Structure formats: structure tokens, C-alpha cells
N, C-alpha and C. Protein backbone atom coordinates (compact mmCIF):
# COMPACT_ATOMS: atom_id res chain seq x y z
N MET A 1 141.89 257.98 128.70
CA MET A 1 143.33 257.62 128.63
C MET A 1 143.96 257.03 130.04
N GLU A 2 143.20 257.23 130.99
CA GLU A 2 143.82 256.89 132.63
C GLU A 2 144.10 255.32 132.42
N GLN A 3 143.43 254.57 131.67
CA GLN A 3 143.28 253.07 132.27
C GLN A 3 144.66 252.68 131.45
N ASP A 4 145.33 253.60 130.82
CA ASP A 4 146.72 252.99 130.06
C ASP A 4 147.85 253.40 130.51
N ALA A 5 147.57 254.15 131.76
CA ALA A 5 148.65 254.72 132.60
C ALA A 5 149.19 253.64 133.66
N ILE A 6 150.52 253.85 133.86
CA ILE A 6 151.16 252.96 135.04
C ILE A 6 151.55 253.45 136.30
N ILE A 7 152.00 252.87 137.00
CA ILE A 7 152.72 253.21 138.32
C ILE A 7 154.22 253.16 138.58
N LEU A 8 154.72 254.28 138.44
CA LEU A 8 156.12 254.31 138.34
C LEU A 8 156.64 254.00 139.92
N THR A 9 157.75 253.10 140.04
CA THR A 9 158.42 253.17 141.19
C THR A 9 159.39 254.15 141.69
N GLN A 10 160.06 254.56 142.67
CA GLN A 10 160.82 255.40 143.02
C GLN A 10 162.09 255.38 141.92
N ALA A 11 162.68 254.42 141.72
CA ALA A 11 163.74 254.45 140.76
C ALA A 11 163.23 254.62 139.55
N GLU A 12 162.02 254.17 138.88
CA GLU A 12 161.59 254.69 137.49
C GLU A 12 161.24 256.21 137.50
N GLN A 13 161.04 257.01 138.83
CA GLN A 13 160.98 258.06 138.92
C GLN A 13 162.35 259.03 139.03
N GLN A 14 163.32 258.27 139.37
CA GLN A 14 164.78 258.82 139.19
C GLN A 14 165.32 258.84 137.62
N ILE A 15 165.00 257.76 137.08
CA ILE A 15 165.51 257.52 135.88
C ILE A 15 164.87 258.63 134.81
N LEU A 16 163.66 259.18 135.23
CA LEU A 16 162.81 260.00 134.28
C LEU A 16 163.31 261.24 134.56
N HIS A 17 163.36 261.62 135.84
CA HIS A 17 164.02 262.83 135.97
C HIS A 17 165.52 263.14 135.68
N SER A 18 166.36 261.95 135.49
CA SER A 18 167.85 261.90 135.12
C SER A 18 167.98 262.56 133.14
N PHE A 19 166.66 262.56 132.78
CA PHE A 19 166.72 263.06 131.41
C PHE A 19 166.82 264.31 131.36
N VAL A 20 166.26 265.37 132.47
CA VAL A 20 165.69 266.74 132.74
C VAL A 20 167.02 267.52 132.16
N PRO A 21 168.15 267.05 132.56
CA PRO A 21 169.17 268.17 132.13
C PRO A 21 169.81 267.66 130.68
N LEU A 22 169.65 266.48 130.08
CA LEU A 22 169.51 266.19 128.67
C LEU A 22 168.80 267.41 127.99
N ALA A 23 167.33 267.18 128.34
CA ALA A 23 166.61 268.04 127.49
C ALA A 23 166.81 269.44 127.88
N ALA A 24 167.41 269.85 128.61
CA ALA A 24 168.13 271.42 128.97
C ALA A 24 169.08 271.52 128.15
N GLY A 25 170.04 270.46 128.16
CA GLY A 25 171.27 270.60 127.32
C GLY A 25 170.88 270.80 125.64
N MET A 26 169.88 269.98 125.23
CA MET A 26 169.36 269.84 123.79
C MET A 26 168.73 271.38 123.43
N HIS A 27 168.13 271.72 124.59
CA HIS A 27 167.20 273.06 124.12
C HIS A 27 168.28 274.18 124.16
N GLU A 28 169.40 274.34 124.60
CA GLU A 28 170.43 275.14 124.68
C GLU A 28 171.19 275.01 123.43
N PHE A 29 171.65 273.73 122.95
CA PHE A 29 172.10 273.40 121.50
C PHE A 29 171.44 273.83 120.52
N LEU A 30 170.20 273.35 120.66
CA LEU A 30 169.33 273.58 119.21
C LEU A 30 168.81 274.80 119.19
N GLY A 31 168.60 275.51 120.09
CA GLY A 31 167.86 276.85 119.74
C GLY A 31 166.53 276.81 120.12
N GLU A 32 166.10 278.06 119.58
CA GLU A 32 164.45 278.50 120.00
C GLU A 32 163.53 277.83 119.04
N ASN A 33 163.89 277.03 117.70
CA ASN A 33 163.26 276.45 116.91
C ASN A 33 163.04 274.93 117.20
N CYS A 34 163.46 274.53 118.28
CA CYS A 34 162.80 273.09 118.56
C CYS A 34 162.14 273.11 119.80
N GLU A 35 161.36 272.25 119.82
CA GLU A 35 160.50 271.84 120.94
C GLU A 35 161.26 270.58 121.69
N ILE A 36 161.53 270.67 122.88
CA ILE A 36 161.99 269.41 123.61
C ILE A 36 161.20 269.02 124.88
N ILE A 37 160.51 267.69 124.83
CA ILE A 37 159.53 267.55 125.84
C ILE A 37 160.28 266.00 126.55
N ILE A 38 159.71 265.90 127.81
CA ILE A 38 159.79 264.70 128.40
C ILE A 38 158.34 264.49 128.81
N HIS A 39 158.01 263.23 128.84
CA HIS A 39 156.27 262.70 129.01
C HIS A 39 156.98 261.55 130.05
N ASN A 40 156.03 261.87 130.98
CA ASN A 40 155.89 261.04 132.25
C ASN A 40 154.64 260.24 132.02
N LEU A 41 154.53 258.84 131.63
CA LEU A 41 153.44 257.86 131.29
C LEU A 41 152.85 257.27 132.36
N GLU A 42 153.17 257.85 133.58
CA GLU A 42 152.31 257.48 134.73
C GLU A 42 151.25 258.24 134.86
N HIS A 43 151.01 259.74 134.28
CA HIS A 43 149.69 260.33 134.12
C HIS A 43 149.59 260.77 132.98
N LEU A 44 148.81 260.27 132.08
CA LEU A 44 148.85 260.45 130.61
C LEU A 44 147.74 261.83 130.49
N ASP A 45 146.92 262.09 131.31
CA ASP A 45 145.82 263.32 131.20
C ASP A 45 146.93 264.62 131.37
N ALA A 46 148.30 264.22 131.91
CA ALA A 46 149.15 265.47 132.52
C ALA A 46 150.29 264.81 132.19
N SER A 47 150.79 264.43 130.89
CA SER A 47 151.82 263.39 131.09
C SER A 47 153.37 264.54 130.36
N VAL A 48 153.24 265.88 130.16
CA VAL A 48 154.32 266.72 129.89
C VAL A 48 154.75 266.92 131.08
N MET A 49 155.98 266.28 131.50
CA MET A 49 156.73 266.75 132.69
C MET A 49 157.59 267.64 132.67
N THR A 50 158.38 267.97 131.52
CA THR A 50 159.19 268.93 131.25
C THR A 50 159.04 269.70 129.61
N ILE A 51 159.19 270.62 129.27
CA ILE A 51 159.26 271.16 128.08
C ILE A 51 159.87 272.54 127.67
N PHE A 52 160.36 272.32 126.75
CA PHE A 52 161.41 273.67 126.17
C PHE A 52 160.60 274.33 124.82
N ASN A 53 160.40 275.56 125.16
CA ASN A 53 160.13 276.12 123.74
C ASN A 53 158.46 275.67 123.65
N GLY A 54 157.67 275.52 124.45
CA GLY A 54 156.24 275.18 124.47
C GLY A 54 155.48 275.86 123.61
N HIS A 55 155.98 277.15 123.60
CA HIS A 55 155.19 278.12 122.63
C HIS A 55 154.87 277.57 121.01
N LEU A 56 156.18 276.91 120.59
CA LEU A 56 155.87 276.19 119.36
C LEU A 56 154.69 275.51 119.12
N SER A 57 154.26 274.51 120.23
CA SER A 57 153.13 273.81 120.07
C SER A 57 152.01 274.29 120.87
N GLY A 58 151.97 275.41 121.62
CA GLY A 58 151.16 275.84 122.59
C GLY A 58 150.86 275.27 123.73
N ARG A 59 151.67 274.22 124.13
CA ARG A 59 151.82 273.58 125.29
C ARG A 59 152.76 274.14 126.52
N LYS A 60 152.19 273.68 127.45
CA LYS A 60 153.19 273.68 128.99
C LYS A 60 153.44 272.33 129.84
N ALA A 61 154.16 272.63 130.81
CA ALA A 61 153.85 271.35 131.64
C ALA A 61 152.73 271.12 132.41
N GLY A 62 152.44 269.54 132.29
CA GLY A 62 151.08 269.46 132.78
C GLY A 62 149.91 269.08 131.38
N ALA A 63 150.40 269.68 130.34
CA ALA A 63 149.70 269.13 129.23
C ALA A 63 149.25 267.55 128.74
N PRO A 64 148.38 267.17 128.26
CA PRO A 64 148.25 265.83 128.11
C PRO A 64 148.90 265.26 127.00
N ILE A 65 149.14 263.73 126.86
CA ILE A 65 149.76 263.47 125.73
C ILE A 65 148.82 263.44 124.59
N SER A 66 149.12 263.58 123.38
CA SER A 66 148.66 263.46 122.29
C SER A 66 148.01 262.14 121.59
N GLU A 67 147.00 262.18 121.07
CA GLU A 67 146.28 260.70 120.48
C GLU A 67 147.57 260.15 119.65
N LEU A 68 148.28 261.00 118.75
CA LEU A 68 149.35 260.34 117.72
C LEU A 68 150.61 259.57 118.63
N THR A 69 150.85 260.71 119.66
CA THR A 69 152.03 260.17 120.65
C THR A 69 151.51 258.94 121.38
N LEU A 70 150.44 258.80 121.90
CA LEU A 70 149.86 257.52 122.49
C LEU A 70 149.99 256.28 121.43
N SER A 71 149.56 256.56 120.37
CA SER A 71 149.58 255.50 119.47
C SER A 71 150.84 255.04 119.28
N TYR A 72 152.09 255.73 119.28
CA TYR A 72 153.48 255.32 118.93
C TYR A 72 153.57 254.70 120.60
N VAL A 73 153.28 255.02 121.40
CA VAL A 73 153.59 254.35 122.84
C VAL A 73 153.13 252.92 122.71
N GLU A 74 151.88 252.65 122.24
CA GLU A 74 151.22 251.36 121.82
C GLU A 74 151.86 250.55 120.81
N LEU A 75 152.43 251.13 120.18
CA LEU A 75 153.18 250.49 119.16
C LEU A 75 154.53 249.90 119.41
N MET A 76 155.29 250.93 120.42
CA MET A 76 156.56 250.35 120.87
C MET A 76 156.17 249.08 121.95
N ARG A 77 155.20 249.36 122.56
CA ARG A 77 155.01 248.15 123.88
C ARG A 77 154.80 246.91 122.84
N LYS A 78 154.09 246.69 121.70
CA LYS A 78 153.90 245.61 121.25
C LYS A 78 155.24 245.40 120.41
N ASP A 79 156.18 246.22 120.22
CA ASP A 79 157.40 245.64 119.51
C ASP A 79 158.67 246.16 120.28
N GLU A 80 159.11 245.10 120.92
CA GLU A 80 160.21 245.27 121.86
C GLU A 80 161.70 245.95 120.97
N ASN A 81 161.49 245.57 119.59
CA ASN A 81 162.69 246.20 118.84
C ASN A 81 162.36 247.61 118.18
N LEU A 82 160.94 248.03 118.86
CA LEU A 82 160.76 249.67 118.01
C LEU A 82 160.84 250.54 119.36
N ARG A 83 162.06 251.01 119.55
CA ARG A 83 162.18 251.99 120.70
C ARG A 83 162.30 253.45 120.35
N HIS A 84 161.97 254.07 118.90
CA HIS A 84 162.20 255.27 118.90
C HIS A 84 161.17 255.55 117.25
N VAL A 85 160.83 256.66 117.04
CA VAL A 85 160.19 256.81 115.67
C VAL A 85 160.57 258.44 115.34
N THR A 86 160.26 258.54 114.17
CA THR A 86 160.41 259.87 113.44
C THR A 86 159.73 259.81 112.58
N TYR A 87 159.11 261.22 112.60
CA TYR A 87 157.73 261.36 111.46
C TYR A 87 157.58 262.98 111.30
N PHE A 88 156.55 263.09 110.31
CA PHE A 88 156.36 264.61 110.23
C PHE A 88 154.96 264.83 110.70
N ALA A 89 154.64 265.87 111.26
CA ALA A 89 153.03 266.17 111.81
C ALA A 89 152.93 267.59 111.75
N LYS A 90 151.89 268.14 112.12
CA LYS A 90 151.29 269.38 112.29
C LYS A 90 151.03 269.93 113.58
N ASN A 91 151.12 271.06 113.86
CA ASN A 91 150.68 271.54 115.21
C ASN A 91 149.24 272.03 114.81
N LYS A 92 148.51 272.48 115.70
CA LYS A 92 147.25 273.09 115.56
C LYS A 92 146.81 274.34 114.92
N ARG A 93 148.23 275.17 114.34
CA ARG A 93 148.15 276.24 113.68
C ARG A 93 148.61 275.61 112.27
N GLY A 94 148.79 274.24 112.04
CA GLY A 94 149.09 274.09 110.60
C GLY A 94 150.44 274.08 110.31
N GLU A 95 151.24 274.06 111.30
CA GLU A 95 152.96 274.42 111.16
C GLU A 95 153.54 273.09 111.17
N THR A 96 154.52 272.88 109.90
CA THR A 96 154.53 271.37 110.02
C THR A 96 156.11 271.41 110.90
N PHE A 97 156.31 270.08 111.41
CA PHE A 97 157.50 269.91 112.22
C PHE A 97 157.80 268.45 111.89
N LYS A 98 159.26 268.07 112.31
CA LYS A 98 159.76 266.88 112.08
C LYS A 98 159.88 266.57 113.68
N ALA A 99 159.22 265.18 113.68
CA ALA A 99 159.19 264.97 115.14
C ALA A 99 160.25 263.53 115.74
N PHE A 100 160.76 263.42 116.73
CA PHE A 100 161.85 262.39 117.02
C PHE A 100 161.15 262.11 118.39
N THR A 101 160.83 260.88 118.63
CA THR A 101 160.23 260.33 119.74
C THR A 101 160.72 258.94 120.34
N SER A 102 161.80 259.04 121.38
CA SER A 102 162.01 257.86 121.79
C SER A 102 161.74 257.24 123.48
N ALA A 103 161.67 256.16 123.36
CA ALA A 103 161.18 255.50 124.58
C ALA A 103 162.14 255.49 125.91
N ILE A 104 161.70 255.95 126.84
CA ILE A 104 162.40 256.26 128.11
C ILE A 104 162.10 254.92 128.84
N LEU A 105 163.09 253.72 129.38
CA LEU A 105 162.80 252.36 129.80
C LEU A 105 163.22 252.42 131.23
N GLY A 106 162.34 251.87 131.94
CA GLY A 106 162.28 251.65 133.28
C GLY A 106 162.81 250.25 133.81
N GLU A 107 162.56 250.00 135.03
CA GLU A 107 162.62 248.31 135.43
C GLU A 107 162.17 247.52 134.61
N GLN A 108 162.82 246.58 134.35
CA GLN A 108 162.46 245.45 133.52
C GLN A 108 162.28 245.83 132.03
N GLY A 109 162.93 246.91 131.73
CA GLY A 109 162.67 247.40 130.31
C GLY A 109 161.27 247.91 130.04
N ARG A 110 160.57 248.29 130.80
CA ARG A 110 159.27 248.93 130.46
C ARG A 110 159.35 250.30 130.09
N ILE A 111 158.46 250.83 129.32
CA ILE A 111 158.45 252.14 128.83
C ILE A 111 157.51 252.77 130.02
N ILE A 112 158.47 253.98 130.60
CA ILE A 112 158.09 254.65 131.67
C ILE A 112 157.61 256.14 131.19
N GLY A 113 158.29 256.61 129.97
CA GLY A 113 158.30 258.08 129.61
C GLY A 113 158.86 258.23 128.21
N LEU A 114 158.86 259.38 127.67
CA LEU A 114 159.06 259.76 126.41
C LEU A 114 160.25 260.89 126.24
N PHE A 115 161.19 260.64 125.39
CA PHE A 115 161.83 262.00 125.18
C PHE A 115 161.76 262.28 123.61
N CYS A 116 161.20 263.36 123.65
CA CYS A 116 160.71 263.78 122.44
C CYS A 116 161.35 265.16 121.89
N ILE A 117 161.79 265.37 120.66
CA ILE A 117 162.10 266.70 119.82
C ILE A 117 161.13 266.70 118.74
N ASN A 118 160.70 268.15 118.46
CA ASN A 118 160.32 268.47 117.33
C ASN A 118 160.63 269.67 116.95
N PHE A 119 161.36 269.35 115.52
CA PHE A 119 161.86 270.63 115.01
C PHE A 119 160.76 271.25 113.97
N TYR A 120 160.82 272.39 114.21
CA TYR A 120 159.70 273.12 113.24
C TYR A 120 160.41 273.76 112.23
N LEU A 121 159.61 273.22 110.79
CA LEU A 121 160.12 273.53 109.51
C LEU A 121 159.82 275.09 109.19
N HIS A 122 158.92 275.75 109.80
CA HIS A 122 158.43 277.15 109.05
C HIS A 122 159.50 278.41 109.52
N VAL A 123 160.42 277.75 110.14
CA VAL A 123 161.53 278.90 110.35
C VAL A 123 162.47 279.00 109.18
N SER A 124 162.98 280.21 109.26
CA SER A 124 163.78 280.31 107.79
C SER A 124 165.22 279.52 108.47
N LEU A 125 166.15 279.32 107.38
CA LEU A 125 167.28 278.50 107.33
C LEU A 125 168.11 279.79 108.10
N TYR A 126 168.05 280.92 108.02
CA TYR A 126 169.11 281.77 108.48
C TYR A 126 168.78 282.05 109.83
N SER A 127 167.37 282.10 110.34
CA SER A 127 167.08 282.08 111.76
C SER A 127 167.79 280.90 112.47
N PHE A 128 167.53 279.58 112.07
CA PHE A 128 168.05 278.27 112.47
C PHE A 128 169.43 278.61 112.75
N MET A 129 170.22 278.68 111.69
CA MET A 129 171.69 278.87 111.46
C MET A 129 172.40 279.60 112.56
N GLN A 130 171.66 280.93 112.86
CA GLN A 130 172.12 282.12 113.49
C GLN A 130 172.69 281.42 114.90
N HIS A 131 172.11 280.41 115.43
CA HIS A 131 172.13 279.74 116.82
C HIS A 131 173.49 279.05 116.75
N PHE A 132 174.12 278.70 115.60
CA PHE A 132 174.96 277.92 115.32
C PHE A 132 176.40 278.45 115.19
N TYR A 133 176.35 279.94 114.90
CA TYR A 133 177.61 280.68 114.78
C TYR A 133 177.94 281.44 116.16
N PRO A 134 179.31 281.35 116.18
CA PRO A 134 180.11 281.65 117.73
C PRO A 134 179.53 283.28 117.83
N HIS A 135 179.23 284.18 116.63
CA HIS A 135 179.29 285.53 117.03
C HIS A 135 177.75 285.89 117.70
N ALA A 136 177.04 284.87 117.45
CA ALA A 136 175.43 284.89 118.11
C ALA A 136 175.45 284.82 119.54
N GLN A 137 176.40 284.26 120.04
CA GLN A 137 176.52 284.05 121.61
C GLN A 137 178.05 284.61 122.36
N PRO A 138 177.93 285.03 123.53
CA PRO A 138 178.92 285.35 124.10
C PRO A 138 180.06 284.50 123.91
N GLU A 139 181.41 284.74 123.62
CA GLU A 139 182.41 283.87 123.63
C GLU A 139 183.57 284.27 124.66
N PRO A 140 183.46 283.37 125.71
CA PRO A 140 184.56 284.06 126.93
C PRO A 140 185.79 283.45 126.43
N GLU A 141 185.69 282.52 125.70
CA GLU A 141 187.20 282.17 125.59
C GLU A 141 187.48 281.32 124.38
N ASN A 142 188.46 281.45 123.84
CA ASN A 142 188.87 280.20 122.12
C ASN A 142 188.53 278.92 122.73
N ILE A 143 187.79 278.06 122.44
CA ILE A 143 187.85 276.50 122.77
C ILE A 143 187.96 275.78 121.93
N SER A 144 188.81 274.98 121.73
CA SER A 144 189.24 273.96 120.79
C SER A 144 188.78 272.54 121.22
N GLU A 145 188.58 271.69 120.59
CA GLU A 145 188.46 270.31 120.99
C GLU A 145 189.21 269.36 119.93
N ILE A 146 189.91 268.60 120.14
CA ILE A 146 190.74 267.67 119.34
C ILE A 146 190.14 266.30 119.60
N PHE A 147 190.04 265.62 118.32
CA PHE A 147 189.33 264.52 118.50
C PHE A 147 190.41 263.12 118.15
N VAL A 148 190.44 262.11 119.01
CA VAL A 148 191.85 261.43 118.52
C VAL A 148 191.27 259.95 118.35
N GLU A 149 192.38 259.08 118.41
CA GLU A 149 191.79 257.63 118.00
C GLU A 149 192.05 256.81 119.08
N ASN A 150 192.87 256.93 119.99
CA ASN A 150 192.96 256.22 121.05
C ASN A 150 193.40 257.18 122.42
N THR A 151 193.06 256.48 123.49
CA THR A 151 193.66 257.26 124.86
C THR A 151 194.78 257.71 124.67
N GLU A 152 196.09 257.22 124.43
CA GLU A 152 197.03 257.64 124.50
C GLU A 152 197.56 258.94 123.55
N GLU A 153 197.09 258.93 122.66
CA GLU A 153 196.68 259.90 121.64
C GLU A 153 196.18 261.20 122.20
N LEU A 154 195.08 260.81 123.19
CA LEU A 154 194.34 262.00 123.86
C LEU A 154 195.17 262.51 124.78
N MET A 155 196.24 261.46 125.63
CA MET A 155 197.01 262.06 126.78
C MET A 155 198.35 262.96 126.24
N LEU A 156 198.65 262.74 125.01
CA LEU A 156 199.67 263.39 124.34
C LEU A 156 199.10 264.63 123.95
N ALA A 157 198.07 264.66 123.27
CA ALA A 157 197.60 266.01 122.74
C ALA A 157 197.30 266.97 124.00
N ALA A 158 196.83 266.41 125.04
CA ALA A 158 196.61 267.32 126.30
C ALA A 158 198.16 267.63 126.74
N LEU A 159 199.04 266.74 126.99
CA LEU A 159 200.39 267.02 127.29
C LEU A 159 200.95 268.16 126.61
N GLU A 160 200.80 268.02 125.17
CA GLU A 160 201.57 269.22 124.44
C GLU A 160 200.80 270.55 124.62
N ASP A 161 199.33 270.57 124.92
CA ASP A 161 198.34 271.69 124.94
C ASP A 161 198.88 272.37 126.44
N ALA A 162 199.15 271.38 127.49
CA ALA A 162 199.47 272.08 128.78
C ALA A 162 201.01 272.56 128.79
N LYS A 163 201.95 272.04 127.95
CA LYS A 163 203.04 272.44 128.07
C LYS A 163 203.41 273.84 126.94
N LYS A 164 202.44 274.26 126.26
CA LYS A 164 202.35 275.20 125.72
C LYS A 164 201.82 276.28 126.42
N THR A 165 200.90 276.06 127.56
CA THR A 165 200.26 277.01 128.10
C THR A 165 201.52 277.15 129.42
N VAL A 166 202.05 276.25 129.78
CA VAL A 166 203.10 276.51 130.80
C VAL A 166 204.01 277.21 130.28
N TYR A 167 204.65 276.80 129.48
CA TYR A 167 206.12 277.42 128.80
C TYR A 167 205.96 278.80 128.20
N GLY A 168 204.51 278.99 128.03
CA GLY A 168 204.21 280.41 127.18
C GLY A 168 204.32 281.22 128.60
N ASN A 169 203.98 280.91 129.50
CA ASN A 169 203.95 282.02 130.72
C ASN A 169 205.19 281.99 131.52
N PRO A 170 205.89 283.47 131.45
CA PRO A 170 207.11 283.60 131.85
C PRO A 170 206.93 283.64 133.52
N ALA A 171 205.63 283.66 134.19
CA ALA A 171 205.62 283.99 135.70
C ALA A 171 205.71 282.33 136.25
N ILE A 172 205.97 281.53 135.45
CA ILE A 172 206.03 280.39 135.83
C ILE A 172 207.59 279.91 135.78
N SER A 173 207.99 279.63 137.19
CA SER A 173 209.60 279.44 136.99
C SER A 173 209.96 278.00 136.57
N SER A 174 211.18 277.90 136.14
CA SER A 174 211.77 276.32 135.62
C SER A 174 211.12 275.55 136.72
N ALA A 175 211.73 275.69 137.78
CA ALA A 175 211.58 274.60 139.08
C ALA A 175 210.26 274.08 139.33
N ASN A 176 209.02 274.92 138.54
CA ASN A 176 207.71 274.60 138.91
C ASN A 176 206.91 274.19 137.56
N LYS A 177 207.60 274.01 136.20
CA LYS A 177 206.87 274.21 135.10
C LYS A 177 206.44 272.68 135.10
N ASN A 178 207.02 271.55 135.65
CA ASN A 178 206.38 270.22 135.50
C ASN A 178 205.31 270.09 136.50
N LYS A 179 205.27 270.62 137.68
CA LYS A 179 204.52 270.75 138.61
C LYS A 179 203.11 271.29 138.10
N GLU A 180 203.15 272.35 137.18
CA GLU A 180 201.90 272.90 136.55
C GLU A 180 201.37 272.11 135.44
N ILE A 181 202.46 271.76 134.73
CA ILE A 181 202.03 271.01 133.58
C ILE A 181 200.88 269.57 134.09
N ILE A 182 201.52 269.00 135.08
CA ILE A 182 200.78 268.03 136.02
C ILE A 182 199.41 268.47 136.55
N HIS A 183 199.45 269.53 137.30
CA HIS A 183 198.18 270.13 137.62
C HIS A 183 197.13 270.44 136.49
N ILE A 184 197.73 270.93 135.58
CA ILE A 184 196.96 271.16 134.45
C ILE A 184 195.87 269.97 133.64
N LEU A 185 196.77 268.98 133.78
CA LEU A 185 196.47 267.73 133.06
C LEU A 185 195.42 266.83 134.28
N SER A 186 195.66 267.30 135.52
CA SER A 186 194.73 266.72 136.41
C SER A 186 193.40 267.17 136.48
N GLN A 187 193.63 268.79 136.30
CA GLN A 187 192.54 269.59 136.05
C GLN A 187 191.42 268.87 134.87
N LYS A 188 191.97 268.27 133.91
CA LYS A 188 191.29 268.03 132.86
C LYS A 188 190.78 266.31 133.11
N GLY A 189 191.35 266.05 133.87
CA GLY A 189 190.58 264.38 134.01
C GLY A 189 191.93 263.70 133.53
N ILE A 190 192.97 263.78 133.04
CA ILE A 190 193.62 262.99 132.15
C ILE A 190 194.15 261.81 133.14
N PHE A 191 194.59 262.02 134.34
CA PHE A 191 194.85 260.92 135.30
C PHE A 191 193.66 260.01 135.44
N HIS A 192 192.57 260.04 135.35
CA HIS A 192 191.59 258.96 135.29
C HIS A 192 191.70 257.76 134.21
N LEU A 193 192.25 258.21 133.16
CA LEU A 193 192.45 257.56 132.15
C LEU A 193 193.66 256.29 132.64
N LYS A 194 193.44 254.98 131.92
CA LYS A 194 194.48 253.68 132.36
C LYS A 194 195.74 254.28 131.80
N ASP A 195 196.53 253.86 132.70
CA ASP A 195 198.16 253.91 132.48
C ASP A 195 198.61 255.61 132.20
N ALA A 196 197.62 256.45 132.70
CA ALA A 196 198.12 257.78 132.47
C ALA A 196 199.48 258.30 133.19
N VAL A 197 199.65 258.12 134.38
CA VAL A 197 200.61 258.41 135.10
C VAL A 197 202.11 257.86 134.37
N TYR A 198 201.90 256.57 133.93
CA TYR A 198 203.22 256.09 133.39
C TYR A 198 203.36 256.81 132.10
N ILE A 199 202.35 256.85 131.18
CA ILE A 199 202.53 257.46 129.70
C ILE A 199 203.27 258.78 130.03
N ILE A 200 202.49 259.84 130.90
CA ILE A 200 202.61 261.23 131.01
C ILE A 200 204.20 261.27 131.34
N ALA A 201 204.67 260.46 132.60
CA ALA A 201 205.91 260.45 133.15
C ALA A 201 207.01 260.15 132.10
N GLU A 202 206.71 259.15 131.12
CA GLU A 202 207.80 258.75 130.01
C GLU A 202 207.77 260.14 129.23
N HIS A 203 206.76 260.45 128.63
CA HIS A 203 206.91 261.67 127.75
C HIS A 203 207.38 262.88 128.32
N MET A 204 207.43 263.01 129.87
CA MET A 204 207.83 264.02 130.39
C MET A 204 209.36 263.94 130.73
N GLY A 205 209.76 262.93 131.02
CA GLY A 205 211.16 262.47 131.04
C GLY A 205 211.42 262.46 132.57
N ILE A 206 210.35 262.19 133.47
CA ILE A 206 210.32 262.33 134.95
C ILE A 206 209.79 260.90 135.27
N SER A 207 210.07 260.50 136.50
CA SER A 207 209.58 259.27 137.14
C SER A 207 208.10 259.45 137.54
N LYS A 208 207.34 258.18 137.34
CA LYS A 208 205.97 258.09 137.73
C LYS A 208 205.85 258.50 139.59
N ASN A 209 206.89 258.27 140.14
CA ASN A 209 206.86 258.98 141.51
C ASN A 209 206.55 260.35 141.88
N THR A 210 207.33 260.60 140.76
CA THR A 210 207.33 262.72 140.70
C THR A 210 206.19 262.82 140.42
N VAL A 211 205.65 262.13 139.62
CA VAL A 211 203.92 262.73 138.77
C VAL A 211 203.09 262.39 139.97
N TYR A 212 203.15 261.34 140.90
CA TYR A 212 202.14 261.23 141.95
C TYR A 212 202.62 261.89 143.19
N MET A 213 203.72 262.65 143.46
CA MET A 213 204.14 263.40 144.12
C MET A 213 203.35 265.09 144.08
N HIS A 214 203.44 265.18 142.85
CA HIS A 214 202.84 266.72 142.42
C HIS A 214 201.25 266.24 142.72
N LEU A 215 200.70 265.10 142.28
CA LEU A 215 199.31 265.06 142.27
C LEU A 215 198.93 264.85 143.73
N ARG A 216 199.66 264.30 144.61
CA ARG A 216 199.43 264.42 146.26
C ARG A 216 199.36 265.89 146.87
N ASN A 217 200.58 266.80 146.09
CA ASN A 217 200.75 268.00 146.65
C ASN A 217 199.60 269.04 146.09
N ARG A 218 198.88 268.72 144.75
CA ARG A 218 198.03 269.40 144.53
C ARG A 218 196.83 269.21 145.40
N HIS A 219 196.44 268.22 145.70
CA HIS A 219 194.93 267.60 146.59
C HIS A 219 195.24 268.33 148.23
N LYS A 220 196.65 268.40 148.49
CA LYS A 220 196.92 269.11 149.67
C LYS A 220 196.58 270.73 149.49
N ASP A 221 196.60 271.29 148.25
CA ASP A 221 196.65 272.79 148.41
C ASP A 221 195.28 273.02 148.58
């Protein structure tokens, strides 16, 4: 296999390692029935750089690339429009899994690694779905997510949520309510959005200078 390997630049090494948090997040999101792998194509004899749930295939970091995976790499190198594949396969125990393999691109668009997800089909639906129900995990707080069609709608939804929090807290004096609302919105990153100061100021009935004042004071605290 070694003749097919490449030499990664420092920038490409950084690109490859930037996928590790994604792999960790996908592992946390999908649970124990999905194997998540990052392949480093610099060393095909030990291409498995990062792996989660390796017990599903019996692999660990440092394992070599498989013949099938290597064949897909060659196909992707020959066809610049082919950058991911999905397929069904079996592990050495004969257990079927559905695989997703995506190219990780380096400088000049060359393929330097692979991001792979293998979902094993022998597990029960009940076992898989348990990971997606709130009662299966600690729930420290009631979290809601509102999906909107534009950024102004996002700002106003965040503003209403902040108002409910502030107005529902009797410990916050009337004189400090606007200040606390601005602080909450700032913590959520709302003021990184274009024209947020002007829109929030208009809907709160205060001047943009007042908003800027509360933001400056927050950074001083």
C-alpha cells in the first residue's frame, strides 16, 4: 500500500486535525451504534487517525486502511466530481453496516484523508432510539431552539425570550431591566448580526447609543 501514500504539508495536517471535534460530536450525537473514523492518507498502513466505537469493527487508532476503502479513494481521485460514497458492507463478524465515506481535501483540492461513518444494522431499533430520547441522558435545563427565516426574525425572537427572562425575575429592578436584556442578547451573540444594534434599539424603544452604552459597560464588568 505504501506507494499510494502522500506527504501532507503542515497546513494539510491542520486541516485533517480540524475534523477531530466533528468526529467527537458525531459520536456524541449518534451514540454507540455508529463507528466514526478519520483516515490520514499519508500512512496507509496505519491510516486510522481517530476512531470512535472501534469495537464495532475491531479496529483502533493505527489500523490500516481497508482494501475496499482504498478502492473508493482511487475512484475519487480519478473523478473530481466524486467526493463521497455510501454503500453497504459487512465486518469480519458478518455484521452488516451502512457506510458513508467523504473525502477530506487539502491544498490544491487533493484528497488527504477520509471522514467515515459506519452505522451498524444489527442493533435493535429500540437500542438505537434510546440515545435520542431526553430521558436517556441528563437534562440540566429545558433547552428550546427556534428556527427562523431571516436574521431580523431571529433578533426579535431572542429579544422576546430575553424580555420574558428579565421581566419574570423580580430581583431585577425596573431601572436595570433594559441593561439585563442587552446583556442577555450579547451573551447569545445577537449583536454580531448585521444591524442588530439598530433593530434591537428600535424594538426596545431606546436609542442605539443606549444599547452601545450597555454593551460597553458589560465589557468593563
